[in-house]
């Protein structure tokens, strides 16, 4: 199951074009071979110097992200697997500053990984497991000192370490809080703002996923 979640996460990241430098992980017999730039679900991050990471900064268009999400949904539907994404957009004509992103992440309890991405874990120490991750909306998806960006993307894969509804209830409030701190707009995968009806719909979707998983 750990290997499956890693593969799904890599697929979602590649499809969205947000962190294309991630490779897929193939589980070896000794179960300790990890791709040098893939986010870890065990809580241990590969040691990578920021200077060694890609620095391409072409924006991912909304149309590209939406089309990629639809393709991902079609590919994972048969296997009852799902990738849930939230987008946090800066106001038109504005950008999020790195220092403000850092401060917001600290306030909501996100952990900055050695691969220059933010993570929310369940558990502590060697027992912590990934609930969701936060990436830069601009390629290659990483955060770097003194950078500016037009948005962030939050990604979680289902099935995960918690029931789908619990994972949603962990990720969505964090997205709302960061949006409030940074003064941005939180949207769903179709880049629609969240209404009460949309939030209720997402919660029902998570309940249905949990029901179908049993």
C-alpha atoms as a PDB file:
ATOM      1  CA  UNK A   1       0.000   0.000   0.000  1.00  0.00           C
ATOM      2  CA  UNK A   2       2.908   2.379   0.747  1.00  0.00           C
ATOM      3  CA  UNK A   3       4.300   1.770  -2.726  1.00  0.00           C
ATOM      4  CA  UNK A   4       0.860   2.360  -4.259  1.00  0.00           C
ATOM      5  CA  UNK A   5       0.480   5.733  -2.538  1.00  0.00           C
ATOM      6  CA  UNK A   6       3.946   6.769  -3.726  1.00  0.00           C
ATOM      7  CA  UNK A   7       3.114   5.863  -7.317  1.00  0.00           C
ATOM      8  CA  UNK A   8      -0.198   7.739  -7.203  1.00  0.00           C
ATOM      9  CA  UNK A   9       1.472  10.817  -5.710  1.00  0.00           C
ATOM     10  CA  UNK A  10       4.126  10.805  -8.433  1.00  0.00           C
ATOM     11  CA  UNK A  11       1.475  10.433 -11.155  1.00  0.00           C
ATOM     12  CA  UNK A  12      -0.572  13.298  -9.754  1.00  0.00           C
ATOM     13  CA  UNK A  13       2.437  15.569  -9.491  1.00  0.00           C
ATOM     14  CA  UNK A  14       3.620  14.795 -13.019  1.00  0.00           C
ATOM     15  CA  UNK A  15       0.143  15.220 -14.514  1.00  0.00           C
ATOM     16  CA  UNK A  16      -0.422  18.568 -12.832  1.00  0.00           C
ATOM     17  CA  UNK A  17       2.967  19.708 -14.091  1.00  0.00           C
ATOM     18  CA  UNK A  18       3.724  21.272 -10.743  1.00  0.00           C
ATOM     19  CA  UNK A  19       6.650  19.179  -9.667  1.00  0.00           C
ATOM     20  CA  UNK A  20       7.761  17.396 -12.808  1.00  0.00           C
ATOM     21  CA  UNK A  21      11.140  16.462 -11.412  1.00  0.00           C
ATOM     22  CA  UNK A  22       9.579  13.732  -9.273  1.00  0.00           C
ATOM     23  CA  UNK A  23      10.271  10.227 -10.521  1.00  0.00           C
ATOM     24  CA  UNK A  24       8.298   7.131  -9.668  1.00  0.00           C
ATOM     25  CA  UNK A  25       9.572   4.850  -6.933  1.00  0.00           C
ATOM     26  CA  UNK A  26       9.936   1.140  -7.530  1.00  0.00           C
ATOM     27  CA  UNK A  27      10.059  -0.888  -4.375  1.00  0.00           C
ATOM     28  CA  UNK A  28      13.195  -3.030  -4.139  1.00  0.00           C
ATOM     29  CA  UNK A  29      13.464  -6.176  -2.053  1.00  0.00           C
ATOM     30  CA  UNK A  30      15.279  -4.336   0.694  1.00  0.00           C
ATOM     31  CA  UNK A  31      12.552  -1.636   0.575  1.00  0.00           C
ATOM     32  CA  UNK A  32      15.002   1.185   1.155  1.00  0.00           C
ATOM     33  CA  UNK A  33      15.761   2.466  -2.338  1.00  0.00           C
ATOM     34  CA  UNK A  34      14.147   5.909  -2.644  1.00  0.00           C
ATOM     35  CA  UNK A  35      14.305   8.245  -5.601  1.00  0.00           C
ATOM     36  CA  UNK A  36      16.547  11.171  -4.746  1.00  0.00           C
ATOM     37  CA  UNK A  37      13.943  13.864  -5.409  1.00  0.00           C
ATOM     38  CA  UNK A  38      10.640  12.126  -4.680  1.00  0.00           C
ATOM     39  CA  UNK A  39       8.583  13.298  -1.653  1.00  0.00           C
ATOM     40  CA  UNK A  40       8.621  10.669   1.082  1.00  0.00           C
ATOM     41  CA  UNK A  41       5.497   9.238   2.700  1.00  0.00           C
ATOM     42  CA  UNK A  42       7.574   7.984   5.629  1.00  0.00           C
ATOM     43  CA  UNK A  43       8.448  11.454   6.845  1.00  0.00           C
ATOM     44  CA  UNK A  44      12.098  11.153   5.811  1.00  0.00           C
ATOM     45  CA  UNK A  45      13.167  13.527   3.063  1.00  0.00           C
ATOM     46  CA  UNK A  46      16.104  13.044   0.698  1.00  0.00           C
ATOM     47  CA  UNK A  47      18.972  15.388   1.354  1.00  0.00           C
ATOM     48  CA  UNK A  48      19.134  17.685  -1.642  1.00  0.00           C
ATOM     49  CA  UNK A  49      20.849  21.000  -1.903  1.00  0.00           C
ATOM     50  CA  UNK A  50      18.520  23.744  -3.168  1.00  0.00           C
ATOM     51  CA  UNK A  51      21.213  24.599  -5.704  1.00  0.00           C
ATOM     52  CA  UNK A  52      20.836  21.154  -7.242  1.00  0.00           C
ATOM     53  CA  UNK A  53      17.099  21.496  -7.836  1.00  0.00           C
ATOM     54  CA  UNK A  54      15.547  22.575 -11.154  1.00  0.00           C
ATOM     55  CA  UNK A  55      14.817  26.267 -11.458  1.00  0.00           C
ATOM     56  CA  UNK A  56      12.545  26.487 -14.474  1.00  0.00           C
ATOM     57  CA  UNK A  57       9.691  28.893 -13.701  1.00  0.00           C
ATOM     58  CA  UNK A  58       7.144  28.700 -16.519  1.00  0.00           C
ATOM     59  CA  UNK A  59       3.590  29.089 -15.207  1.00  0.00           C
ATOM     60  CA  UNK A  60       1.112  26.244 -15.416  1.00  0.00           C
ATOM     61  CA  UNK A  61      -2.001  27.610 -17.082  1.00  0.00           C
ATOM     62  CA  UNK A  62      -5.433  27.027 -15.595  1.00  0.00           C
ATOM     63  CA  UNK A  63      -6.520  25.162 -18.725  1.00  0.00           C
ATOM     64  CA  UNK A  64      -3.502  22.850 -18.486  1.00  0.00           C
ATOM     65  CA  UNK A  65      -4.160  22.119 -14.819  1.00  0.00           C
ATOM     66  CA  UNK A  66      -7.845  21.422 -15.421  1.00  0.00           C
ATOM     67  CA  UNK A  67      -7.183  19.164 -18.398  1.00  0.00           C
ATOM     68  CA  UNK A  68      -4.491  17.281 -16.470  1.00  0.00           C
ATOM     69  CA  UNK A  69      -6.829  16.800 -13.529  1.00  0.00           C
ATOM     70  CA  UNK A  70      -9.534  15.344 -15.778  1.00  0.00           C
ATOM     71  CA  UNK A  71      -7.029  12.939 -17.321  1.00  0.00           C
ATOM     72  CA  UNK A  72      -5.842  11.876 -13.879  1.00  0.00           C
ATOM     73  CA  UNK A  73      -9.413  11.277 -12.728  1.00  0.00           C
ATOM     74  CA  UNK A  74     -10.099   9.021 -15.712  1.00  0.00           C
ATOM     75  CA  UNK A  75      -6.893   7.039 -15.156  1.00  0.00           C
ATOM     76  CA  UNK A  76      -7.475   6.411 -11.451  1.00  0.00           C
ATOM     77  CA  UNK A  77     -11.244   5.870 -11.417  1.00  0.00           C
ATOM     78  CA  UNK A  78     -11.077   2.159 -12.194  1.00  0.00           C
ATOM     79  CA  UNK A  79      -8.679   1.534  -9.318  1.00  0.00           C
ATOM     80  CA  UNK A  80     -10.802   3.521  -6.838  1.00  0.00           C
ATOM     81  CA  UNK A  81      -7.914   5.891  -6.263  1.00  0.00           C
ATOM     82  CA  UNK A  82      -8.180   9.657  -6.195  1.00  0.00           C
ATOM     83  CA  UNK A  83      -6.008  12.756  -6.070  1.00  0.00           C
ATOM     84  CA  UNK A  84      -7.619  15.792  -4.423  1.00  0.00           C
ATOM     85  CA  UNK A  85      -6.194  19.230  -5.162  1.00  0.00           C
ATOM     86  CA  UNK A  86      -6.840  22.711  -3.816  1.00  0.00           C
ATOM     87  CA  UNK A  87      -5.467  25.827  -5.475  1.00  0.00           C
ATOM     88  CA  UNK A  88      -4.592  29.020  -3.636  1.00  0.00           C
ATOM     89  CA  UNK A  89      -4.393  31.972  -6.040  1.00  0.00           C
ATOM     90  CA  UNK A  90      -2.895  35.364  -5.368  1.00  0.00           C
ATOM     91  CA  UNK A  91      -5.155  38.275  -6.224  1.00  0.00           C
ATOM     92  CA  UNK A  92      -4.989  39.433  -9.813  1.00  0.00           C
ATOM     93  CA  UNK A  93      -1.782  41.318 -10.495  1.00  0.00           C
ATOM     94  CA  UNK A  94      -0.239  40.250  -7.184  1.00  0.00           C
ATOM     95  CA  UNK A  95       2.120  37.521  -5.988  1.00  0.00           C
ATOM     96  CA  UNK A  96       2.851  35.704  -2.752  1.00  0.00           C
ATOM     97  CA  UNK A  97       6.201  36.573  -1.197  1.00  0.00           C
ATOM     98  CA  UNK A  98       8.445  33.770   0.071  1.00  0.00           C
ATOM     99  CA  UNK A  99       8.750  35.235   3.553  1.00  0.00           C
ATOM    100  CA  UNK A 100       4.983  35.513   3.926  1.00  0.00           C
ATOM    101  CA  UNK A 101       4.557  31.936   2.690  1.00  0.00           C
ATOM    102  CA  UNK A 102       7.077  30.782   5.305  1.00  0.00           C
ATOM    103  CA  UNK A 103       5.248  32.616   8.059  1.00  0.00           C
ATOM    104  CA  UNK A 104       1.863  31.266   6.983  1.00  0.00           C
ATOM    105  CA  UNK A 105       3.195  27.717   6.773  1.00  0.00           C
ATOM    106  CA  UNK A 106       4.625  27.939  10.274  1.00  0.00           C
ATOM    107  CA  UNK A 107       1.352  29.260  11.651  1.00  0.00           C
ATOM    108  CA  UNK A 108      -0.642  26.326  10.277  1.00  0.00           C
ATOM    109  CA  UNK A 109       1.932  23.708  11.305  1.00  0.00           C
ATOM    110  CA  UNK A 110       3.348  22.697   7.928  1.00  0.00           C
ATOM    111  CA  UNK A 111       6.796  21.114   7.798  1.00  0.00           C
ATOM    112  CA  UNK A 112       9.344  22.255   5.218  1.00  0.00           C
ATOM    113  CA  UNK A 113      11.086  19.279   3.633  1.00  0.00           C
ATOM    114  CA  UNK A 114      14.616  18.919   2.313  1.00  0.00           C
ATOM    115  CA  UNK A 115      13.068  18.729  -1.168  1.00  0.00           C
ATOM    116  CA  UNK A 116      11.780  22.324  -0.793  1.00  0.00           C
ATOM    117  CA  UNK A 117       8.099  21.389  -0.423  1.00  0.00           C
ATOM    118  CA  UNK A 118       5.753  21.716   2.542  1.00  0.00           C
ATOM    119  CA  UNK A 119       4.094  18.729   4.248  1.00  0.00           C
ATOM    120  CA  UNK A 120       1.413  17.944   6.801  1.00  0.00           C
ATOM    121  CA  UNK A 121       1.985  14.670   8.630  1.00  0.00           C
ATOM    122  CA  UNK A 122      -0.059  12.486  10.899  1.00  0.00           C
ATOM    123  CA  UNK A 123       1.956  11.244  13.870  1.00  0.00           C
ATOM    124  CA  UNK A 124       5.426  12.134  15.032  1.00  0.00           C
ATOM    125  CA  UNK A 125       9.027  11.061  14.593  1.00  0.00           C
ATOM    126  CA  UNK A 126       9.596   7.827  12.717  1.00  0.00           C
ATOM    127  CA  UNK A 127       5.865   7.056  12.835  1.00  0.00           C
ATOM    128  CA  UNK A 128       4.664  10.131  10.977  1.00  0.00           C
ATOM    129  CA  UNK A 129       2.858   9.617   7.688  1.00  0.00           C
ATOM    130  CA  UNK A 130       1.975  12.069   4.938  1.00  0.00           C
ATOM    131  CA  UNK A 131      -1.535  13.529   4.925  1.00  0.00           C
ATOM    132  CA  UNK A 132      -1.036  16.175   2.221  1.00  0.00           C
ATOM    133  CA  UNK A 133       1.643  18.304   0.618  1.00  0.00           C
ATOM    134  CA  UNK A 134       1.862  21.914  -0.546  1.00  0.00           C
ATOM    135  CA  UNK A 135       3.761  22.934  -3.682  1.00  0.00           C
ATOM    136  CA  UNK A 136       4.449  26.093  -5.654  1.00  0.00           C
ATOM    137  CA  UNK A 137       1.933  26.542  -8.481  1.00  0.00           C
ATOM    138  CA  UNK A 138       4.782  27.631 -10.757  1.00  0.00           C
ATOM    139  CA  UNK A 139       7.052  25.002 -12.259  1.00  0.00           C
ATOM    140  CA  UNK A 140       9.040  23.180 -11.059  1.00  0.00           C
ATOM    141  CA  UNK A 141       6.813  23.305  -7.997  1.00  0.00           C
ATOM    142  CA  UNK A 142       9.398  23.938  -5.292  1.00  0.00           C
ATOM    143  CA  UNK A 143       9.860  26.836  -2.889  1.00  0.00           C
ATOM    144  CA  UNK A 144      13.111  28.794  -2.875  1.00  0.00           C
ATOM    145  CA  UNK A 145      14.385  31.706  -0.759  1.00  0.00           C
ATOM    146  CA  UNK A 146      13.298  35.160  -1.927  1.00  0.00           C
ATOM    147  CA  UNK A 147      10.972  33.714  -4.583  1.00  0.00           C
ATOM    148  CA  UNK A 148       7.554  35.068  -5.502  1.00  0.00           C
ATOM    149  CA  UNK A 149       4.677  33.065  -6.927  1.00  0.00           C
ATOM    150  CA  UNK A 150       1.146  33.513  -8.207  1.00  0.00           C
ATOM    151  CA  UNK A 151      -0.191  30.587  -6.235  1.00  0.00           C
ATOM    152  CA  UNK A 152       0.117  27.386  -4.232  1.00  0.00           C
ATOM    153  CA  UNK A 153      -1.369  23.942  -4.757  1.00  0.00           C
ATOM    154  CA  UNK A 154      -2.310  21.465  -2.031  1.00  0.00           C
ATOM    155  CA  UNK A 155      -2.344  17.768  -2.942  1.00  0.00           C
ATOM    156  CA  UNK A 156      -3.557  14.673  -1.119  1.00  0.00           C
ATOM    157  CA  UNK A 157      -3.933  11.121  -2.394  1.00  0.00           C
ATOM    158  CA  UNK A 158      -6.679   8.671  -1.523  1.00  0.00           C
ATOM    159  CA  UNK A 159      -6.757   6.156  -0.048  1.00  0.00           C
ATOM    160  CA  UNK A 160      -4.410   7.639   2.520  1.00  0.00           C
ATOM    161  CA  UNK A 161      -3.237   7.235   6.074  1.00  0.00           C
ATOM    162  CA  UNK A 162      -6.611   8.436   7.402  1.00  0.00           C
ATOM    163  CA  UNK A 163     -10.209   8.125   6.185  1.00  0.00           C
ATOM    164  CA  UNK A 164     -10.860  10.404   3.222  1.00  0.00           C
ATOM    165  CA  UNK A 165     -13.175  12.694   5.192  1.00  0.00           C
ATOM    166  CA  UNK A 166     -10.609  13.095   7.983  1.00  0.00           C
ATOM    167  CA  UNK A 167      -7.926  13.953   5.436  1.00  0.00           C
ATOM    168  CA  UNK A 168     -10.204  16.525   3.807  1.00  0.00           C
ATOM    169  CA  UNK A 169     -11.035  18.004   7.199  1.00  0.00           C
ATOM    170  CA  UNK A 170      -7.298  18.320   7.785  1.00  0.00           C
ATOM    171  CA  UNK A 171      -6.383  19.889   4.434  1.00  0.00           C
ATOM    172  CA  UNK A 172      -9.282  22.248   3.726  1.00  0.00           C
ATOM    173  CA  UNK A 173      -9.079  24.310   6.953  1.00  0.00           C
ATOM    174  CA  UNK A 174      -5.326  24.716   6.401  1.00  0.00           C
ATOM    175  CA  UNK A 175      -6.034  25.996   2.899  1.00  0.00           C
ATOM    176  CA  UNK A 176      -8.609  28.436   4.257  1.00  0.00           C
ATOM    177  CA  UNK A 177      -6.231  29.676   6.930  1.00  0.00           C
ATOM    178  CA  UNK A 178      -3.327  30.185   4.512  1.00  0.00           C
ATOM    179  CA  UNK A 179      -5.668  32.003   2.122  1.00  0.00           C
ATOM    180  CA  UNK A 180      -6.714  34.276   4.976  1.00  0.00           C
ATOM    181  CA  UNK A 181      -3.107  34.976   6.020  1.00  0.00           C
ATOM    182  CA  UNK A 182      -1.834  35.609   2.485  1.00  0.00           C
ATOM    183  CA  UNK A 183      -4.963  37.325   1.211  1.00  0.00           C
ATOM    184  CA  UNK A 184      -5.495  34.810  -1.588  1.00  0.00           C
ATOM    185  CA  UNK A 185      -8.415  32.897  -3.096  1.00  0.00           C
ATOM    186  CA  UNK A 186      -8.914  29.187  -2.380  1.00  0.00           C
ATOM    187  CA  UNK A 187     -10.477  27.187  -5.228  1.00  0.00           C
ATOM    188  CA  UNK A 188     -11.266  23.591  -6.121  1.00  0.00           C
ATOM    189  CA  UNK A 189      -9.640  21.602  -8.919  1.00  0.00           C
ATOM    190  CA  UNK A 190     -11.862  23.400 -11.440  1.00  0.00           C
ATOM    191  CA  UNK A 191     -10.705  26.761 -10.059  1.00  0.00           C
ATOM    192  CA  UNK A 192     -14.140  27.591  -8.654  1.00  0.00           C
ATOM    193  CA  UNK A 193     -14.429  29.406  -5.349  1.00  0.00           C
ATOM    194  CA  UNK A 194     -15.825  27.383  -2.461  1.00  0.00           C
ATOM    195  CA  UNK A 195     -19.443  27.993  -1.548  1.00  0.00           C
ATOM    196  CA  UNK A 196     -21.282  26.269   1.294  1.00  0.00           C
ATOM    197  CA  UNK A 197     -22.834  23.965  -1.265  1.00  0.00           C
ATOM    198  CA  UNK A 198     -19.449  23.105  -2.784  1.00  0.00           C
ATOM    199  CA  UNK A 199     -17.939  22.385   0.630  1.00  0.00           C
ATOM    200  CA  UNK A 200     -20.886  20.148   1.507  1.00  0.00           C
ATOM    201  CA  UNK A 201     -20.520  18.420  -1.856  1.00  0.00           C
ATOM    202  CA  UNK A 202     -16.818  17.736  -1.249  1.00  0.00           C
ATOM    203  CA  UNK A 203     -17.504  16.343   2.213  1.00  0.00           C
ATOM    204  CA  UNK A 204     -20.154  14.046   0.766  1.00  0.00           C
ATOM    205  CA  UNK A 205     -17.712  12.974  -1.940  1.00  0.00           C
ATOM    206  CA  UNK A 206     -15.200  12.048   0.758  1.00  0.00           C
ATOM    207  CA  UNK A 207     -17.853  10.091   2.699  1.00  0.00           C
ATOM    208  CA  UNK A 208     -18.782   8.223  -0.464  1.00  0.00           C
ATOM    209  CA  UNK A 209     -15.129   7.408  -1.114  1.00  0.00           C
ATOM    210  CA  UNK A 210     -14.786   5.983   2.391  1.00  0.00           C
ATOM    211  CA  UNK A 211     -17.984   3.978   1.929  1.00  0.00           C
ATOM    212  CA  UNK A 212     -16.820   2.513  -1.396  1.00  0.00           C
ATOM    213  CA  UNK A 213     -13.420   1.679   0.055  1.00  0.00           C
ATOM    214  CA  UNK A 214     -14.997  -0.769   2.513  1.00  0.00           C
END
